[in-house]
Amino acid sequence: MTATIIQEFRRAPAATALMLITVVLVTALTTIGAAACFQVMQSSGAFFTQAVTRTFYKCMKASLTAIKYRPLRPSTQRSSPAKPKKASA
């Protein structure tokens, strides 16, 4: 395969060979750039997910702890119904 490509380079005019080299380089750089972009986006997405999950967990833990340990408000405490006072005669 490589020998065939080298033979084609020898037969082709300089402009065609230069164009082929340019296409190969552009394709390689585009592939490398796309891979690097994907890697950056993937790592930033993972960082974003970790940060949001950690913050969300802290908020939920704080609110659940507050609910668990807060005293009942006086208006919501249940008391036994008031007994009617007997009329004194």
C-alpha atoms as a PDB file:
ATOM      1  CA  MET A   1       0.000   0.000   0.000  1.00  0.00           C
ATOM      2  CA  THR A   2       2.762   2.447   0.980  1.00  0.00           C
ATOM      3  CA  ALA A   3       4.788   1.525  -2.097  1.00  0.00           C
ATOM      4  CA  THR A   4       1.801   2.285  -4.319  1.00  0.00           C
ATOM      5  CA  ILE A   5       1.370   5.707  -2.732  1.00  0.00           C
ATOM      6  CA  ILE A   6       5.068   6.491  -3.196  1.00  0.00           C
ATOM      7  CA  GLN A   7       4.883   5.470  -6.874  1.00  0.00           C
ATOM      8  CA  GLU A   8       1.865   7.721  -7.361  1.00  0.00           C
ATOM      9  CA  PHE A   9       3.797  10.613  -5.821  1.00  0.00           C
ATOM     10  CA  ARG A  10       6.654  10.046  -8.252  1.00  0.00           C
ATOM     11  CA  ARG A  11       4.341  10.027 -11.260  1.00  0.00           C
ATOM     12  CA  ALA A  12       2.156  12.931 -10.178  1.00  0.00           C
ATOM     13  CA  PRO A  13       3.048  16.514 -10.944  1.00  0.00           C
ATOM     14  CA  ALA A  14       4.291  18.639  -8.053  1.00  0.00           C
ATOM     15  CA  ALA A  15       1.010  20.556  -7.728  1.00  0.00           C
ATOM     16  CA  THR A  16      -1.030  17.373  -7.334  1.00  0.00           C
ATOM     17  CA  ALA A  17       1.375  15.971  -4.769  1.00  0.00           C
ATOM     18  CA  LEU A  18       1.303  19.226  -2.830  1.00  0.00           C
ATOM     19  CA  MET A  19      -2.485  19.243  -2.917  1.00  0.00           C
ATOM     20  CA  LEU A  20      -2.600  15.650  -1.660  1.00  0.00           C
ATOM     21  CA  ILE A  21      -0.179  16.453   1.173  1.00  0.00           C
ATOM     22  CA  THR A  22      -2.295  19.479   2.083  1.00  0.00           C
ATOM     23  CA  VAL A  23      -5.473  17.395   2.174  1.00  0.00           C
ATOM     24  CA  VAL A  24      -3.806  14.760   4.358  1.00  0.00           C
ATOM     25  CA  LEU A  25      -2.477  17.394   6.774  1.00  0.00           C
ATOM     26  CA  VAL A  26      -5.803  19.208   6.980  1.00  0.00           C
ATOM     27  CA  THR A  27      -7.622  15.933   7.608  1.00  0.00           C
ATOM     28  CA  ALA A  28      -5.157  14.945  10.330  1.00  0.00           C
ATOM     29  CA  LEU A  29      -5.315  18.344  12.025  1.00  0.00           C
ATOM     30  CA  THR A  30      -9.110  18.369  11.851  1.00  0.00           C
ATOM     31  CA  THR A  31      -9.248  14.918  13.429  1.00  0.00           C
ATOM     32  CA  ILE A  32      -6.821  15.922  16.180  1.00  0.00           C
ATOM     33  CA  GLY A  33      -8.734  19.158  16.781  1.00  0.00           C
ATOM     34  CA  ALA A  34     -12.062  17.352  16.976  1.00  0.00           C
ATOM     35  CA  ALA A  35     -10.633  14.808  19.413  1.00  0.00           C
ATOM     36  CA  ALA A  36      -9.156  17.565  21.581  1.00  0.00           C
ATOM     37  CA  CYS A  37     -12.433  19.493  21.521  1.00  0.00           C
ATOM     38  CA  PHE A  38     -14.360  16.378  22.495  1.00  0.00           C
ATOM     39  CA  GLN A  39     -11.912  15.687  25.331  1.00  0.00           C
ATOM     40  CA  VAL A  40     -12.235  19.232  26.689  1.00  0.00           C
ATOM     41  CA  MET A  41     -16.025  19.162  26.479  1.00  0.00           C
ATOM     42  CA  GLN A  42     -16.180  15.751  28.136  1.00  0.00           C
ATOM     43  CA  SER A  43     -13.924  16.776  31.012  1.00  0.00           C
ATOM     44  CA  SER A  44     -15.726  20.094  31.520  1.00  0.00           C
ATOM     45  CA  GLY A  45     -19.041  18.236  31.477  1.00  0.00           C
ATOM     46  CA  ALA A  46     -17.768  15.850  34.117  1.00  0.00           C
ATOM     47  CA  PHE A  47     -16.530  18.774  36.204  1.00  0.00           C
ATOM     48  CA  PHE A  48     -19.883  20.531  35.850  1.00  0.00           C
ATOM     49  CA  THR A  49     -21.755  17.376  36.862  1.00  0.00           C
ATOM     50  CA  GLN A  50     -19.542  16.851  39.915  1.00  0.00           C
ATOM     51  CA  ALA A  51     -19.868  20.473  41.014  1.00  0.00           C
ATOM     52  CA  VAL A  52     -23.643  20.572  40.593  1.00  0.00           C
ATOM     53  CA  THR A  53     -24.140  17.188  42.267  1.00  0.00           C
ATOM     54  CA  ARG A  54     -21.974  18.170  45.241  1.00  0.00           C
ATOM     55  CA  THR A  55     -23.785  21.513  45.676  1.00  0.00           C
ATOM     56  CA  PHE A  56     -27.202  19.918  45.256  1.00  0.00           C
ATOM     57  CA  TYR A  57     -26.349  17.246  47.832  1.00  0.00           C
ATOM     58  CA  LYS A  58     -25.185  19.864  50.324  1.00  0.00           C
ATOM     59  CA  CYS A  59     -28.376  21.883  49.849  1.00  0.00           C
ATOM     60  CA  MET A  60     -30.581  18.819  50.211  1.00  0.00           C
ATOM     61  CA  LYS A  61     -28.674  17.587  53.263  1.00  0.00           C
ATOM     62  CA  ALA A  62     -28.937  20.991  54.947  1.00  0.00           C
ATOM     63  CA  SER A  63     -32.662  21.297  54.288  1.00  0.00           C
ATOM     64  CA  LEU A  64     -33.377  17.727  55.428  1.00  0.00           C
ATOM     65  CA  THR A  65     -31.341  18.272  58.600  1.00  0.00           C
ATOM     66  CA  ALA A  66     -33.232  21.491  59.278  1.00  0.00           C
ATOM     67  CA  ILE A  67     -36.566  19.725  58.868  1.00  0.00           C
ATOM     68  CA  LYS A  68     -35.496  16.822  61.074  1.00  0.00           C
ATOM     69  CA  TYR A  69     -34.320  18.910  64.015  1.00  0.00           C
ATOM     70  CA  ARG A  70     -36.604  21.934  63.951  1.00  0.00           C
ATOM     71  CA  PRO A  71     -39.111  22.158  66.797  1.00  0.00           C
ATOM     72  CA  LEU A  72     -42.770  22.129  66.033  1.00  0.00           C
ATOM     73  CA  ARG A  73     -44.361  25.523  65.857  1.00  0.00           C
ATOM     74  CA  PRO A  74     -46.824  26.301  68.650  1.00  0.00           C
ATOM     75  CA  SER A  75     -49.680  26.529  66.168  1.00  0.00           C
ATOM     76  CA  THR A  76     -49.022  23.005  64.914  1.00  0.00           C
ATOM     77  CA  GLN A  77     -48.524  21.324  68.292  1.00  0.00           C
ATOM     78  CA  ARG A  78     -51.426  19.195  69.307  1.00  0.00           C
ATOM     79  CA  SER A  79     -52.836  19.592  72.721  1.00  0.00           C
ATOM     80  CA  SER A  80     -55.675  17.853  74.435  1.00  0.00           C
ATOM     81  CA  PRO A  81     -58.995  19.601  73.961  1.00  0.00           C
ATOM     82  CA  ALA A  82     -59.848  22.022  76.732  1.00  0.00           C
ATOM     83  CA  LYS A  83     -62.298  20.580  79.233  1.00  0.00           C
ATOM     84  CA  PRO A  84     -65.327  22.725  79.863  1.00  0.00           C
ATOM     85  CA  LYS A  85     -65.257  24.344  83.270  1.00  0.00           C
ATOM     86  CA  LYS A  86     -68.019  23.412  85.641  1.00  0.00           C
ATOM     87  CA  ALA A  87     -70.214  26.264  86.631  1.00  0.00           C
ATOM     88  CA  SER A  88     -69.895  26.965  90.321  1.00  0.00           C
ATOM     89  CA  ALA A  89     -73.202  27.312  92.129  1.00  0.00           C
END
